[in-house]
Amino acid sequence: MYNNTYSVDSRLIGERVQIRVEDLFSNHRFRMAWDWLRRHREARCSKEHLKILQLAARDSEIRVDNALRVLIDQDQPISFEAIEEMISGQGCMIPPTDITIDEVDLCSYDALLSVQEGAYAK
């Protein structure tokens, strides 16, 4: 990829290996971060993205993903330092979208349970 050298299983040394860029990202936000870094920090893109991935592996992929969500939603620059600050609790995190679940009327389930045994056996 981009004529870079990568570590591979020893049986693949000297072989041509085809990869899909999509396979390198755990979800769409990590891909969006990569695209942003390629556009804005081309010279440091790979190194910066690897630092972000290492932080996700070391700390929490979910917390890094949440930090990326905040940065992307607020159209803020994406950087290892910004993400690290956010997940360390020093930055302001926006809570996940509130979800409201209506109360379920369980009477309909009671009606199913009150059906006489053998009512369907014919």
PDB file of N, CA and C in Angstrom:
ATOM      1  N   MET A   1       0.844  -1.170   0.000  1.00  0.00           N
ATOM      2  CA  MET A   1       0.000   0.000   0.000  1.00  0.00           C
ATOM      3  C   MET A   1       0.887   1.230   0.000  1.00  0.00           C
ATOM      4  N   TYR A   2       0.778   2.048  -1.012  1.00  0.00           N
ATOM      5  CA  TYR A   2       1.584   3.253  -1.157  1.00  0.00           C
ATOM      6  C   TYR A   2       3.083   2.957  -1.082  1.00  0.00           C
ATOM      7  N   ASN A   3       3.487   1.771  -1.520  1.00  0.00           N
ATOM      8  CA  ASN A   3       4.893   1.350  -1.515  1.00  0.00           C
ATOM      9  C   ASN A   3       5.525   1.393  -0.135  1.00  0.00           C
ATOM     10  N   ASN A   4       4.740   1.161   0.883  1.00  0.00           N
ATOM     11  CA  ASN A   4       5.261   1.088   2.246  1.00  0.00           C
ATOM     12  C   ASN A   4       5.573  -0.358   2.581  1.00  0.00           C
ATOM     13  N   THR A   5       6.456  -0.554   3.526  1.00  0.00           N
ATOM     14  CA  THR A   5       6.806  -1.890   3.980  1.00  0.00           C
ATOM     15  C   THR A   5       6.001  -2.211   5.230  1.00  0.00           C
ATOM     16  N   TYR A   6       5.393  -3.406   5.230  1.00  0.00           N
ATOM     17  CA  TYR A   6       4.582  -3.821   6.367  1.00  0.00           C
ATOM     18  C   TYR A   6       5.031  -5.198   6.816  1.00  0.00           C
ATOM     19  N   SER A   7       4.755  -5.514   8.045  1.00  0.00           N
ATOM     20  CA  SER A   7       5.042  -6.828   8.592  1.00  0.00           C
ATOM     21  C   SER A   7       3.955  -7.802   8.166  1.00  0.00           C
ATOM     22  N   VAL A   8       4.361  -8.972   7.723  1.00  0.00           N
ATOM     23  CA  VAL A   8       3.399 -10.009   7.345  1.00  0.00           C
ATOM     24  C   VAL A   8       3.873 -11.342   7.893  1.00  0.00           C
ATOM     25  N   ASP A   9       2.990 -12.317   7.860  1.00  0.00           N
ATOM     26  CA  ASP A   9       3.345 -13.676   8.239  1.00  0.00           C
ATOM     27  C   ASP A   9       4.530 -14.133   7.392  1.00  0.00           C
ATOM     28  N   SER A  10       5.454 -14.892   7.968  1.00  0.00           N
ATOM     29  CA  SER A  10       6.691 -15.271   7.268  1.00  0.00           C
ATOM     30  C   SER A  10       6.429 -16.003   5.953  1.00  0.00           C
ATOM     31  N   ARG A  11       5.336 -16.734   5.846  1.00  0.00           N
ATOM     32  CA  ARG A  11       5.056 -17.457   4.594  1.00  0.00           C
ATOM     33  C   ARG A  11       4.686 -16.503   3.465  1.00  0.00           C
ATOM     34  N   LEU A  12       4.393 -15.233   3.801  1.00  0.00           N
ATOM     35  CA  LEU A  12       4.030 -14.257   2.779  1.00  0.00           C
ATOM     36  C   LEU A  12       5.181 -13.358   2.355  1.00  0.00           C
ATOM     37  N   ILE A  13       6.352 -13.536   2.964  1.00  0.00           N
ATOM     38  CA  ILE A  13       7.507 -12.702   2.612  1.00  0.00           C
ATOM     39  C   ILE A  13       7.852 -12.925   1.152  1.00  0.00           C
ATOM     40  N   GLY A  14       7.990 -11.830   0.431  1.00  0.00           N
ATOM     41  CA  GLY A  14       8.307 -11.897  -0.983  1.00  0.00           C
ATOM     42  C   GLY A  14       7.083 -12.035  -1.877  1.00  0.00           C
ATOM     43  N   GLU A  15       5.932 -12.245  -1.292  1.00  0.00           N
ATOM     44  CA  GLU A  15       4.701 -12.382  -2.070  1.00  0.00           C
ATOM     45  C   GLU A  15       4.024 -11.019  -2.197  1.00  0.00           C
ATOM     46  N   ARG A  16       3.235 -10.873  -3.245  1.00  0.00           N
ATOM     47  CA  ARG A  16       2.410  -9.678  -3.378  1.00  0.00           C
ATOM     48  C   ARG A  16       1.113  -9.921  -2.630  1.00  0.00           C
ATOM     49  N   VAL A  17       0.768  -9.001  -1.775  1.00  0.00           N
ATOM     50  CA  VAL A  17      -0.434  -9.141  -0.959  1.00  0.00           C
ATOM     51  C   VAL A  17      -1.386  -8.012  -1.320  1.00  0.00           C
ATOM     52  N   GLN A  18      -2.608  -8.387  -1.633  1.00  0.00           N
ATOM     53  CA  GLN A  18      -3.612  -7.386  -1.945  1.00  0.00           C
ATOM     54  C   GLN A  18      -4.477  -7.148  -0.719  1.00  0.00           C
ATOM     55  N   ILE A  19      -4.684  -5.874  -0.401  1.00  0.00           N
ATOM     56  CA  ILE A  19      -5.550  -5.537   0.728  1.00  0.00           C
ATOM     57  C   ILE A  19      -6.602  -4.553   0.251  1.00  0.00           C
ATOM     58  N   ARG A  20      -7.697  -4.523   0.943  1.00  0.00           N
ATOM     59  CA  ARG A  20      -8.710  -3.500   0.698  1.00  0.00           C
ATOM     60  C   ARG A  20      -8.615  -2.501   1.836  1.00  0.00           C
ATOM     61  N   VAL A  21      -8.594  -1.247   1.500  1.00  0.00           N
ATOM     62  CA  VAL A  21      -8.459  -0.207   2.518  1.00  0.00           C
ATOM     63  C   VAL A  21      -9.563  -0.327   3.564  1.00  0.00           C
ATOM     64  N   GLU A  22     -10.771  -0.703   3.137  1.00  0.00           N
ATOM     65  CA  GLU A  22     -11.894  -0.814   4.074  1.00  0.00           C
ATOM     66  C   GLU A  22     -11.617  -1.814   5.182  1.00  0.00           C
ATOM     67  N   ASP A  23     -10.789  -2.824   4.906  1.00  0.00           N
ATOM     68  CA  ASP A  23     -10.498  -3.853   5.903  1.00  0.00           C
ATOM     69  C   ASP A  23      -9.610  -3.336   7.037  1.00  0.00           C
ATOM     70  N   LEU A  24      -9.057  -2.144   6.886  1.00  0.00           N
ATOM     71  CA  LEU A  24      -8.141  -1.602   7.883  1.00  0.00           C
ATOM     72  C   LEU A  24      -8.849  -0.806   8.982  1.00  0.00           C
ATOM     73  N   PHE A  25     -10.157  -0.636   8.845  1.00  0.00           N
ATOM     74  CA  PHE A  25     -10.878   0.220   9.774  1.00  0.00           C
ATOM     75  C   PHE A  25     -11.963  -0.562  10.488  1.00  0.00           C
ATOM     76  N   SER A  26     -12.064  -0.356  11.796  1.00  0.00           N
ATOM     77  CA  SER A  26     -13.071  -1.096  12.563  1.00  0.00           C
ATOM     78  C   SER A  26     -14.482  -0.561  12.343  1.00  0.00           C
ATOM     79  N   ASN A  27     -14.607   0.706  11.980  1.00  0.00           N
ATOM     80  CA  ASN A  27     -15.931   1.258  11.645  1.00  0.00           C
ATOM     81  C   ASN A  27     -15.757   2.509  10.804  1.00  0.00           C
ATOM     82  N   HIS A  28     -16.879   3.104  10.420  1.00  0.00           N
ATOM     83  CA  HIS A  28     -16.842   4.234   9.493  1.00  0.00           C
ATOM     84  C   HIS A  28     -16.157   5.472  10.066  1.00  0.00           C
ATOM     85  N   ARG A  29     -16.213   5.673  11.376  1.00  0.00           N
ATOM     86  CA  ARG A  29     -15.571   6.873  11.943  1.00  0.00           C
ATOM     87  C   ARG A  29     -14.050   6.784  11.880  1.00  0.00           C
ATOM     88  N   PHE A  30     -13.508   5.590  12.070  1.00  0.00           N
ATOM     89  CA  PHE A  30     -12.053   5.443  11.927  1.00  0.00           C
ATOM     90  C   PHE A  30     -11.648   5.695  10.471  1.00  0.00           C
ATOM     91  N   ARG A  31     -12.504   5.294   9.531  1.00  0.00           N
ATOM     92  CA  ARG A  31     -12.242   5.579   8.112  1.00  0.00           C
ATOM     93  C   ARG A  31     -12.332   7.077   7.848  1.00  0.00           C
ATOM     94  N   MET A  32     -13.330   7.737   8.436  1.00  0.00           N
ATOM     95  CA  MET A  32     -13.470   9.181   8.267  1.00  0.00           C
ATOM     96  C   MET A  32     -12.260   9.917   8.845  1.00  0.00           C
ATOM     97  N   ALA A  33     -11.751   9.420   9.964  1.00  0.00           N
ATOM     98  CA  ALA A  33     -10.553  10.026  10.567  1.00  0.00           C
ATOM     99  C   ALA A  33      -9.366   9.881   9.617  1.00  0.00           C
ATOM    100  N   TRP A  34      -9.215   8.685   9.033  1.00  0.00           N
ATOM    101  CA  TRP A  34      -8.125   8.437   8.071  1.00  0.00           C
ATOM    102  C   TRP A  34      -8.247   9.402   6.887  1.00  0.00           C
ATOM    103  N   ASP A  35      -9.445   9.537   6.336  1.00  0.00           N
ATOM    104  CA  ASP A  35      -9.649  10.431   5.191  1.00  0.00           C
ATOM    105  C   ASP A  35      -9.336  11.876   5.565  1.00  0.00           C
ATOM    106  N   TRP A  36      -9.757  12.300   6.772  1.00  0.00           N
ATOM    107  CA  TRP A  36      -9.477  13.659   7.212  1.00  0.00           C
ATOM    108  C   TRP A  36      -7.967  13.867   7.345  1.00  0.00           C
ATOM    109  N   LEU A  37      -7.293  12.915   7.955  1.00  0.00           N
ATOM    110  CA  LEU A  37      -5.845  13.029   8.138  1.00  0.00           C
ATOM    111  C   LEU A  37      -5.120  13.059   6.791  1.00  0.00           C
ATOM    112  N   ARG A  38      -5.570  12.266   5.834  1.00  0.00           N
ATOM    113  CA  ARG A  38      -4.935  12.278   4.502  1.00  0.00           C
ATOM    114  C   ARG A  38      -5.093  13.633   3.831  1.00  0.00           C
ATOM    115  N   ARG A  39      -6.232  14.292   4.039  1.00  0.00           N
ATOM    116  CA  ARG A  39      -6.466  15.599   3.420  1.00  0.00           C
ATOM    117  C   ARG A  39      -5.715  16.725   4.135  1.00  0.00           C
ATOM    118  N   HIS A  40      -5.635  16.654   5.464  1.00  0.00           N
ATOM    119  CA  HIS A  40      -5.111  17.780   6.230  1.00  0.00           C
ATOM    120  C   HIS A  40      -3.711  17.585   6.805  1.00  0.00           C
ATOM    121  N   ARG A  41      -3.281  16.367   6.941  1.00  0.00           N
ATOM    122  CA  ARG A  41      -1.958  16.091   7.539  1.00  0.00           C
ATOM    123  C   ARG A  41      -1.245  15.011   6.730  1.00  0.00           C
ATOM    124  N   GLU A  42      -1.165  15.219   5.444  1.00  0.00           N
ATOM    125  CA  GLU A  42      -0.671  14.188   4.528  1.00  0.00           C
ATOM    126  C   GLU A  42       0.690  13.623   4.949  1.00  0.00           C
ATOM    127  N   ALA A  43       1.598  14.473   5.356  1.00  0.00           N
ATOM    128  CA  ALA A  43       2.950  14.014   5.709  1.00  0.00           C
ATOM    129  C   ALA A  43       2.961  13.135   6.953  1.00  0.00           C
ATOM    130  N   ARG A  44       2.012  13.357   7.881  1.00  0.00           N
ATOM    131  CA  ARG A  44       1.993  12.605   9.146  1.00  0.00           C
ATOM    132  C   ARG A  44       0.785  11.681   9.257  1.00  0.00           C
ATOM    133  N   CYS A  45       0.059  11.506   8.183  1.00  0.00           N
ATOM    134  CA  CYS A  45      -1.209  10.776   8.202  1.00  0.00           C
ATOM    135  C   CYS A  45      -1.077   9.381   8.804  1.00  0.00           C
ATOM    136  N   SER A  46      -0.185   8.574   8.266  1.00  0.00           N
ATOM    137  CA  SER A  46      -0.054   7.183   8.725  1.00  0.00           C
ATOM    138  C   SER A  46       0.347   7.116  10.188  1.00  0.00           C
ATOM    139  N   LYS A  47       1.344   7.903  10.565  1.00  0.00           N
ATOM    140  CA  LYS A  47       1.828   7.878  11.945  1.00  0.00           C
ATOM    141  C   LYS A  47       0.733   8.329  12.916  1.00  0.00           C
ATOM    142  N   GLU A  48       0.011   9.379  12.556  1.00  0.00           N
ATOM    143  CA  GLU A  48      -1.053   9.899  13.426  1.00  0.00           C
ATOM    144  C   GLU A  48      -2.173   8.867  13.572  1.00  0.00           C
ATOM    145  N   HIS A  49      -2.550   8.245  12.460  1.00  0.00           N
ATOM    146  CA  HIS A  49      -3.631   7.261  12.511  1.00  0.00           C
ATOM    147  C   HIS A  49      -3.213   6.033  13.316  1.00  0.00           C
ATOM    148  N   LEU A  50      -1.972   5.613  13.183  1.00  0.00           N
ATOM    149  CA  LEU A  50      -1.488   4.477  13.972  1.00  0.00           C
ATOM    150  C   LEU A  50      -1.493   4.803  15.466  1.00  0.00           C
ATOM    151  N   LYS A  51      -1.164   6.027  15.815  1.00  0.00           N
ATOM    152  CA  LYS A  51      -1.219   6.426  17.223  1.00  0.00           C
ATOM    153  C   LYS A  51      -2.661   6.367  17.742  1.00  0.00           C
ATOM    154  N   ILE A  52      -3.609   6.787  16.903  1.00  0.00           N
ATOM    155  CA  ILE A  52      -5.020   6.733  17.291  1.00  0.00           C
ATOM    156  C   ILE A  52      -5.463   5.279  17.464  1.00  0.00           C
ATOM    157  N   LEU A  53      -5.062   4.415  16.539  1.00  0.00           N
ATOM    158  CA  LEU A  53      -5.412   2.994  16.635  1.00  0.00           C
ATOM    159  C   LEU A  53      -4.781   2.354  17.868  1.00  0.00           C
ATOM    160  N   GLN A  54      -3.540   2.716  18.165  1.00  0.00           N
ATOM    161  CA  GLN A  54      -2.874   2.183  19.351  1.00  0.00           C
ATOM    162  C   GLN A  54      -3.597   2.631  20.617  1.00  0.00           C
ATOM    163  N   LEU A  55      -4.041   3.876  20.634  1.00  0.00           N
ATOM    164  CA  LEU A  55      -4.801   4.385  21.776  1.00  0.00           C
ATOM    165  C   LEU A  55      -6.109   3.598  21.930  1.00  0.00           C
ATOM    166  N   ALA A  56      -6.772   3.319  20.818  1.00  0.00           N
ATOM    167  CA  ALA A  56      -8.015   2.538  20.859  1.00  0.00           C
ATOM    168  C   ALA A  56      -7.753   1.138  21.407  1.00  0.00           C
ATOM    169  N   ALA A  57      -6.645   0.532  21.000  1.00  0.00           N
ATOM    170  CA  ALA A  57      -6.310  -0.819  21.470  1.00  0.00           C
ATOM    171  C   ALA A  57      -5.904  -0.805  22.941  1.00  0.00           C
ATOM    172  N   ARG A  58      -5.174   0.216  23.337  1.00  0.00           N
ATOM    173  CA  ARG A  58      -4.663   0.294  24.699  1.00  0.00           C
ATOM    174  C   ARG A  58      -5.720   0.737  25.702  1.00  0.00           C
ATOM    175  N   ASP A  59      -6.513   1.715  25.324  1.00  0.00           N
ATOM    176  CA  ASP A  59      -7.475   2.287  26.259  1.00  0.00           C
ATOM    177  C   ASP A  59      -8.860   1.701  26.037  1.00  0.00           C
ATOM    178  N   SER A  60      -9.504   2.120  24.972  1.00  0.00           N
ATOM    179  CA  SER A  60     -10.860   1.647  24.693  1.00  0.00           C
ATOM    180  C   SER A  60     -11.253   2.091  23.292  1.00  0.00           C
ATOM    181  N   GLU A  61     -11.579   1.137  22.450  1.00  0.00           N
ATOM    182  CA  GLU A  61     -12.010   1.465  21.091  1.00  0.00           C
ATOM    183  C   GLU A  61     -13.302   2.279  21.131  1.00  0.00           C
ATOM    184  N   ILE A  62     -14.176   1.949  22.060  1.00  0.00           N
ATOM    185  CA  ILE A  62     -15.458   2.658  22.161  1.00  0.00           C
ATOM    186  C   ILE A  62     -15.238   4.116  22.560  1.00  0.00           C
ATOM    187  N   ARG A  63     -14.346   4.358  23.496  1.00  0.00           N
ATOM    188  CA  ARG A  63     -14.081   5.740  23.923  1.00  0.00           C
ATOM    189  C   ARG A  63     -13.419   6.544  22.814  1.00  0.00           C
ATOM    190  N   VAL A  64     -12.487   5.923  22.083  1.00  0.00           N
ATOM    191  CA  VAL A  64     -11.852   6.611  20.953  1.00  0.00           C
ATOM    192  C   VAL A  64     -12.892   6.881  19.868  1.00  0.00           C
ATOM    193  N   ASP A  65     -13.749   5.901  19.598  1.00  0.00           N
ATOM    194  CA  ASP A  65     -14.804   6.088  18.605  1.00  0.00           C
ATOM    195  C   ASP A  65     -15.732   7.226  19.012  1.00  0.00           C
ATOM    196  N   ASN A  66     -16.069   7.309  20.293  1.00  0.00           N
ATOM    197  CA  ASN A  66     -16.923   8.394  20.778  1.00  0.00           C
ATOM    198  C   ASN A  66     -16.230   9.743  20.614  1.00  0.00           C
ATOM    199  N   ALA A  67     -14.949   9.794  20.907  1.00  0.00           N
ATOM    200  CA  ALA A  67     -14.195  11.044  20.724  1.00  0.00           C
ATOM    201  C   ALA A  67     -14.170  11.437  19.248  1.00  0.00           C
ATOM    202  N   LEU A  68     -13.987  10.464  18.363  1.00  0.00           N
ATOM    203  CA  LEU A  68     -14.018  10.750  16.929  1.00  0.00           C
ATOM    204  C   LEU A  68     -15.396  11.278  16.526  1.00  0.00           C
ATOM    205  N   ARG A  69     -16.453  10.695  17.085  1.00  0.00           N
ATOM    206  CA  ARG A  69     -17.811  11.156  16.791  1.00  0.00           C
ATOM    207  C   ARG A  69     -17.960  12.628  17.144  1.00  0.00           C
ATOM    208  N   VAL A  70     -17.472  13.002  18.323  1.00  0.00           N
ATOM    209  CA  VAL A  70     -17.583  14.392  18.771  1.00  0.00           C
ATOM    210  C   VAL A  70     -16.792  15.302  17.845  1.00  0.00           C
ATOM    211  N   LEU A  71     -15.557  14.946  17.549  1.00  0.00           N
ATOM    212  CA  LEU A  71     -14.717  15.787  16.684  1.00  0.00           C
ATOM    213  C   LEU A  71     -15.335  15.943  15.299  1.00  0.00           C
ATOM    214  N   ILE A  72     -15.829  14.849  14.741  1.00  0.00           N
ATOM    215  CA  ILE A  72     -16.427  14.896  13.405  1.00  0.00           C
ATOM    216  C   ILE A  72     -17.711  15.716  13.428  1.00  0.00           C
ATOM    217  N   ASP A  73     -18.583  15.471  14.420  1.00  0.00           N
ATOM    218  CA  ASP A  73     -19.850  16.198  14.503  1.00  0.00           C
ATOM    219  C   ASP A  73     -19.645  17.701  14.688  1.00  0.00           C
ATOM    220  N   GLN A  74     -18.587  18.084  15.396  1.00  0.00           N
ATOM    221  CA  GLN A  74     -18.323  19.500  15.642  1.00  0.00           C
ATOM    222  C   GLN A  74     -17.353  20.090  14.620  1.00  0.00           C
ATOM    223  N   ASP A  75     -17.017  19.305  13.603  1.00  0.00           N
ATOM    224  CA  ASP A  75     -16.105  19.745  12.536  1.00  0.00           C
ATOM    225  C   ASP A  75     -14.792  20.288  13.105  1.00  0.00           C
ATOM    226  N   GLN A  76     -14.246  19.549  14.073  1.00  0.00           N
ATOM    227  CA  GLN A  76     -12.988  19.905  14.725  1.00  0.00           C
ATOM    228  C   GLN A  76     -11.839  19.117  14.101  1.00  0.00           C
ATOM    229  N   PRO A  77     -10.619  19.630  14.198  1.00  0.00           N
ATOM    230  CA  PRO A  77      -9.466  18.879  13.687  1.00  0.00           C
ATOM    231  C   PRO A  77      -9.302  17.550  14.434  1.00  0.00           C
ATOM    232  N   ILE A  78      -8.917  16.533  13.700  1.00  0.00           N
ATOM    233  CA  ILE A  78      -8.714  15.209  14.280  1.00  0.00           C
ATOM    234  C   ILE A  78      -7.223  15.021  14.540  1.00  0.00           C
ATOM    235  N   SER A  79      -6.906  14.698  15.785  1.00  0.00           N
ATOM    236  CA  SER A  79      -5.508  14.441  16.132  1.00  0.00           C
ATOM    237  C   SER A  79      -5.451  13.479  17.314  1.00  0.00           C
ATOM    238  N   PHE A  80      -4.329  12.803  17.430  1.00  0.00           N
ATOM    239  CA  PHE A  80      -4.114  11.901  18.560  1.00  0.00           C
ATOM    240  C   PHE A  80      -4.251  12.664  19.871  1.00  0.00           C
ATOM    241  N   GLU A  81      -3.652  13.843  19.925  1.00  0.00           N
ATOM    242  CA  GLU A  81      -3.665  14.632  21.157  1.00  0.00           C
ATOM    243  C   GLU A  81      -5.075  15.028  21.562  1.00  0.00           C
ATOM    244  N   ALA A  82      -5.901  15.447  20.590  1.00  0.00           N
ATOM    245  CA  ALA A  82      -7.275  15.840  20.899  1.00  0.00           C
ATOM    246  C   ALA A  82      -8.068  14.657  21.433  1.00  0.00           C
ATOM    247  N   ILE A  83      -7.891  13.506  20.809  1.00  0.00           N
ATOM    248  CA  ILE A  83      -8.615  12.306  21.237  1.00  0.00           C
ATOM    249  C   ILE A  83      -8.146  11.861  22.608  1.00  0.00           C
ATOM    250  N   GLU A  84      -6.836  11.860  22.809  1.00  0.00           N
ATOM    251  CA  GLU A  84      -6.286  11.456  24.106  1.00  0.00           C
ATOM    252  C   GLU A  84      -6.804  12.361  25.218  1.00  0.00           C
ATOM    253  N   GLU A  85      -6.845  13.660  24.970  1.00  0.00           N
ATOM    254  CA  GLU A  85      -7.344  14.605  25.970  1.00  0.00           C
ATOM    255  C   GLU A  85      -8.822  14.340  26.276  1.00  0.00           C
ATOM    256  N   MET A  86      -9.595  14.053  25.248  1.00  0.00           N
ATOM    257  CA  MET A  86     -11.026  13.815  25.448  1.00  0.00           C
ATOM    258  C   MET A  86     -11.273  12.548  26.255  1.00  0.00           C
ATOM    259  N   ILE A  87     -10.554  11.483  25.974  1.00  0.00           N
ATOM    260  CA  ILE A  87     -10.832  10.233  26.682  1.00  0.00           C
ATOM    261  C   ILE A  87     -10.193  10.182  28.056  1.00  0.00           C
ATOM    262  N   SER A  88      -9.263  11.089  28.306  1.00  0.00           N
ATOM    263  CA  SER A  88      -8.664  11.118  29.641  1.00  0.00           C
ATOM    264  C   SER A  88      -9.540  11.896  30.615  1.00  0.00           C
ATOM    265  N   GLY A  89     -10.637  12.448  30.127  1.00  0.00           N
ATOM    266  CA  GLY A  89     -11.566  13.160  30.997  1.00  0.00           C
ATOM    267  C   GLY A  89     -11.305  14.640  31.081  1.00  0.00           C
ATOM    268  N   GLN A  90     -10.231  15.119  30.447  1.00  0.00           N
ATOM    269  CA  GLN A  90      -9.936  16.543  30.495  1.00  0.00           C
ATOM    270  C   GLN A  90     -10.775  17.324  29.492  1.00  0.00           C
ATOM    271  N   GLY A  91     -11.201  16.665  28.430  1.00  0.00           N
ATOM    272  CA  GLY A  91     -12.009  17.327  27.413  1.00  0.00           C
ATOM    273  C   GLY A  91     -13.484  17.136  27.692  1.00  0.00           C
ATOM    274  N   CYS A  92     -14.282  17.899  27.041  1.00  0.00           N
ATOM    275  CA  CYS A  92     -15.728  17.825  27.227  1.00  0.00           C
ATOM    276  C   CYS A  92     -16.293  16.823  26.232  1.00  0.00           C
ATOM    277  N   MET A  93     -16.942  15.795  26.744  1.00  0.00           N
ATOM    278  CA  MET A  93     -17.546  14.781  25.891  1.00  0.00           C
ATOM    279  C   MET A  93     -19.041  15.046  25.796  1.00  0.00           C
ATOM    280  N   ILE A  94     -19.552  14.926  24.597  1.00  0.00           N
ATOM    281  CA  ILE A  94     -20.990  15.032  24.401  1.00  0.00           C
ATOM    282  C   ILE A  94     -21.584  13.659  24.667  1.00  0.00           C
ATOM    283  N   PRO A  95     -22.632  13.591  25.470  1.00  0.00           N
ATOM    284  CA  PRO A  95     -23.221  12.277  25.761  1.00  0.00           C
ATOM    285  C   PRO A  95     -23.822  11.676  24.499  1.00  0.00           C
ATOM    286  N   PRO A  96     -23.928  10.354  24.462  1.00  0.00           N
ATOM    287  CA  PRO A  96     -24.560   9.715  23.308  1.00  0.00           C
ATOM    288  C   PRO A  96     -25.982  10.224  23.139  1.00  0.00           C
ATOM    289  N   THR A  97     -26.492  10.074  21.948  1.00  0.00           N
ATOM    290  CA  THR A  97     -27.844  10.512  21.655  1.00  0.00           C
ATOM    291  C   THR A  97     -28.827   9.859  22.627  1.00  0.00           C
ATOM    292  N   ASP A  98     -29.709  10.679  23.193  1.00  0.00           N
ATOM    293  CA  ASP A  98     -30.726  10.141  24.111  1.00  0.00           C
ATOM    294  C   ASP A  98     -31.721   9.298  23.333  1.00  0.00           C
ATOM    295  N   ILE A  99     -32.043   8.164  23.877  1.00  0.00           N
ATOM    296  CA  ILE A  99     -33.002   7.260  23.269  1.00  0.00           C
ATOM    297  C   ILE A  99     -34.141   7.069  24.259  1.00  0.00           C
ATOM    298  N   THR A 100     -35.354   7.240  23.785  1.00  0.00           N
ATOM    299  CA  THR A 100     -36.524   7.035  24.622  1.00  0.00           C
ATOM    300  C   THR A 100     -37.251   5.796  24.131  1.00  0.00           C
ATOM    301  N   ILE A 101     -37.540   4.891  25.046  1.00  0.00           N
ATOM    302  CA  ILE A 101     -38.269   3.675  24.712  1.00  0.00           C
ATOM    303  C   ILE A 101     -39.599   3.727  25.443  1.00  0.00           C
ATOM    304  N   ASP A 102     -40.678   3.657  24.661  1.00  0.00           N
ATOM    305  CA  ASP A 102     -42.006   3.683  25.258  1.00  0.00           C
ATOM    306  C   ASP A 102     -42.232   2.445  26.108  1.00  0.00           C
ATOM    307  N   GLU A 103     -43.032   2.639  27.163  1.00  0.00           N
ATOM    308  CA  GLU A 103     -43.353   1.519  28.038  1.00  0.00           C
ATOM    309  C   GLU A 103     -44.194   0.503  27.259  1.00  0.00           C
ATOM    310  N   VAL A 104     -43.901  -0.759  27.473  1.00  0.00           N
ATOM    311  CA  VAL A 104     -44.604  -1.840  26.774  1.00  0.00           C
ATOM    312  C   VAL A 104     -45.774  -2.318  27.623  1.00  0.00           C
ATOM    313  N   ASP A 105     -46.936  -2.461  26.988  1.00  0.00           N
ATOM    314  CA  ASP A 105     -48.115  -2.979  27.667  1.00  0.00           C
ATOM    315  C   ASP A 105     -48.029  -4.505  27.656  1.00  0.00           C
ATOM    316  N   LEU A 106     -47.810  -5.085  28.806  1.00  0.00           N
ATOM    317  CA  LEU A 106     -47.621  -6.534  28.912  1.00  0.00           C
ATOM    318  C   LEU A 106     -48.930  -7.314  28.951  1.00  0.00           C
ATOM    319  N   CYS A 107     -50.055  -6.630  28.945  1.00  0.00           N
ATOM    320  CA  CYS A 107     -51.352  -7.318  28.971  1.00  0.00           C
ATOM    321  C   CYS A 107     -51.524  -8.236  27.767  1.00  0.00           C
ATOM    322  N   SER A 108     -51.003  -7.825  26.624  1.00  0.00           N
ATOM    323  CA  SER A 108     -51.139  -8.666  25.432  1.00  0.00           C
ATOM    324  C   SER A 108     -50.383  -9.977  25.611  1.00  0.00           C
ATOM    325  N   TYR A 109     -49.284  -9.960  26.329  1.00  0.00           N
ATOM    326  CA  TYR A 109     -48.553 -11.198  26.603  1.00  0.00           C
ATOM    327  C   TYR A 109     -49.328 -12.069  27.598  1.00  0.00           C
ATOM    328  N   ASP A 110     -49.966 -11.426  28.571  1.00  0.00           N
ATOM    329  CA  ASP A 110     -50.791 -12.177  29.524  1.00  0.00           C
ATOM    330  C   ASP A 110     -51.912 -12.905  28.787  1.00  0.00           C
ATOM    331  N   ALA A 111     -52.503 -12.248  27.801  1.00  0.00           N
ATOM    332  CA  ALA A 111     -53.575 -12.865  27.030  1.00  0.00           C
ATOM    333  C   ALA A 111     -53.060 -14.102  26.296  1.00  0.00           C
ATOM    334  N   LEU A 112     -51.854 -14.038  25.787  1.00  0.00           N
ATOM    335  CA  LEU A 112     -51.272 -15.203  25.112  1.00  0.00           C
ATOM    336  C   LEU A 112     -51.067 -16.359  26.087  1.00  0.00           C
ATOM    337  N   LEU A 113     -50.663 -16.036  27.305  1.00  0.00           N
ATOM    338  CA  LEU A 113     -50.410 -17.075  28.295  1.00  0.00           C
ATOM    339  C   LEU A 113     -51.696 -17.688  28.842  1.00  0.00           C
ATOM    340  N   SER A 114     -52.800 -16.968  28.706  1.00  0.00           N
ATOM    341  CA  SER A 114     -54.054 -17.487  29.269  1.00  0.00           C
ATOM    342  C   SER A 114     -54.810 -18.386  28.293  1.00  0.00           C
ATOM    343  N   VAL A 115     -54.288 -18.606  27.113  1.00  0.00           N
ATOM    344  CA  VAL A 115     -54.937 -19.497  26.150  1.00  0.00           C
ATOM    345  C   VAL A 115     -54.950 -20.905  26.730  1.00  0.00           C
ATOM    346  N   GLN A 116     -56.103 -21.566  26.626  1.00  0.00           N
ATOM    347  CA  GLN A 116     -56.251 -22.916  27.169  1.00  0.00           C
ATOM    348  C   GLN A 116     -55.305 -23.874  26.481  1.00  0.00           C
ATOM    349  N   GLU A 117     -54.711 -24.783  27.274  1.00  0.00           N
ATOM    350  CA  GLU A 117     -53.874 -25.823  26.688  1.00  0.00           C
ATOM    351  C   GLU A 117     -54.682 -26.653  25.730  1.00  0.00           C
ATOM    352  N   GLY A 118     -54.100 -26.995  24.635  1.00  0.00           N
ATOM    353  CA  GLY A 118     -54.758 -27.825  23.660  1.00  0.00           C
ATOM    354  C   GLY A 118     -55.686 -27.056  22.744  1.00  0.00           C
ATOM    355  N   ALA A 119     -55.784 -25.733  22.911  1.00  0.00           N
ATOM    356  CA  ALA A 119     -56.676 -24.943  22.069  1.00  0.00           C
ATOM    357  C   ALA A 119     -56.249 -24.995  20.605  1.00  0.00           C
ATOM    358  N   TYR A 120     -54.948 -25.171  20.381  1.00  0.00           N
ATOM    359  CA  TYR A 120     -54.461 -25.201  19.014  1.00  0.00           C
ATOM    360  C   TYR A 120     -54.234 -26.627  18.526  1.00  0.00           C
ATOM    361  N   ALA A 121     -54.358 -27.590  19.400  1.00  0.00           N
ATOM    362  CA  ALA A 121     -54.142 -28.986  18.999  1.00  0.00           C
ATOM    363  C   ALA A 121     -55.436 -29.529  18.402  1.00  0.00           C
ATOM    364  N   LYS A 122     -55.414 -29.859  17.159  1.00  0.00           N
ATOM    365  CA  LYS A 122     -56.595 -30.424  16.492  1.00  0.00           C
ATOM    366  C   LYS A 122     -56.206 -31.597  15.643  1.00  0.00           C
TER     367      LYS A 122
END
